[in-house]
Amino acid sequence: MIQCPKCANSLPDWSQSCQFCQADLKGVARPKPAPGQASRPLMQTAPWIWPAYYFISGYYVLSGLVDVSRGVIYMTKHKDNVLGEQLGFFGYIGIVVGVITVVVGIGLLTKIEFIRAIVNFFCWISIISAAFGLLGSVLAGGFFTAWGILGIAMNVFSIASSALMIYLIGETD
């Protein structure tokens, strides 16, 4: 532990500024590790964090490309009949959603803070929504039917994957 020269609070050795008074601590002497003890790197992330982050970001890009291709296929498949002309806007919606998902994935890959903040926000919304869905599934007796068990599993997966993305974004700042 080091001590802030301005406010005298104790701080971790790796601190670059005081969390209490914002004093610059770059010139403060750090304790030396004992002989034979390796010094700890500053704020080292776990080795799996970056591969997981890039995998999920890449998944966003691929998912968006699939949505775009589905929208194009839907539009070309249904354009020849009267009902298809009226429902063609679903293809446009798929394409728009796909393009947005691709842009978000690229924003995550390139670490654009605005995109990362949006994904963080929507992950929190997803957690809240899935928690209500999980509560509804359990209260409706979801443990007794195959669809109920599937709904519970999907809500738990949604909560876990959104929480993982929030964690990964926080760890890769």
Foldseek 3Di string as FASTA:
>chain_A
DFADPPPGDDDDQLDQADPPPRHGCPPPDGDDDDPPDDDDDRLDDDPVLVVVLLVVLVVLQVVLVVLLVVLVCLLVVQVPDPVSVVVNVVSVVSNVVSVVSNVLSVCSVVVPPVSLVVLLVVLVVLLVVLVVQLVVLVVVVLVPDPVSVVSNVVSVVSNVVSVSSNVSNVSVD
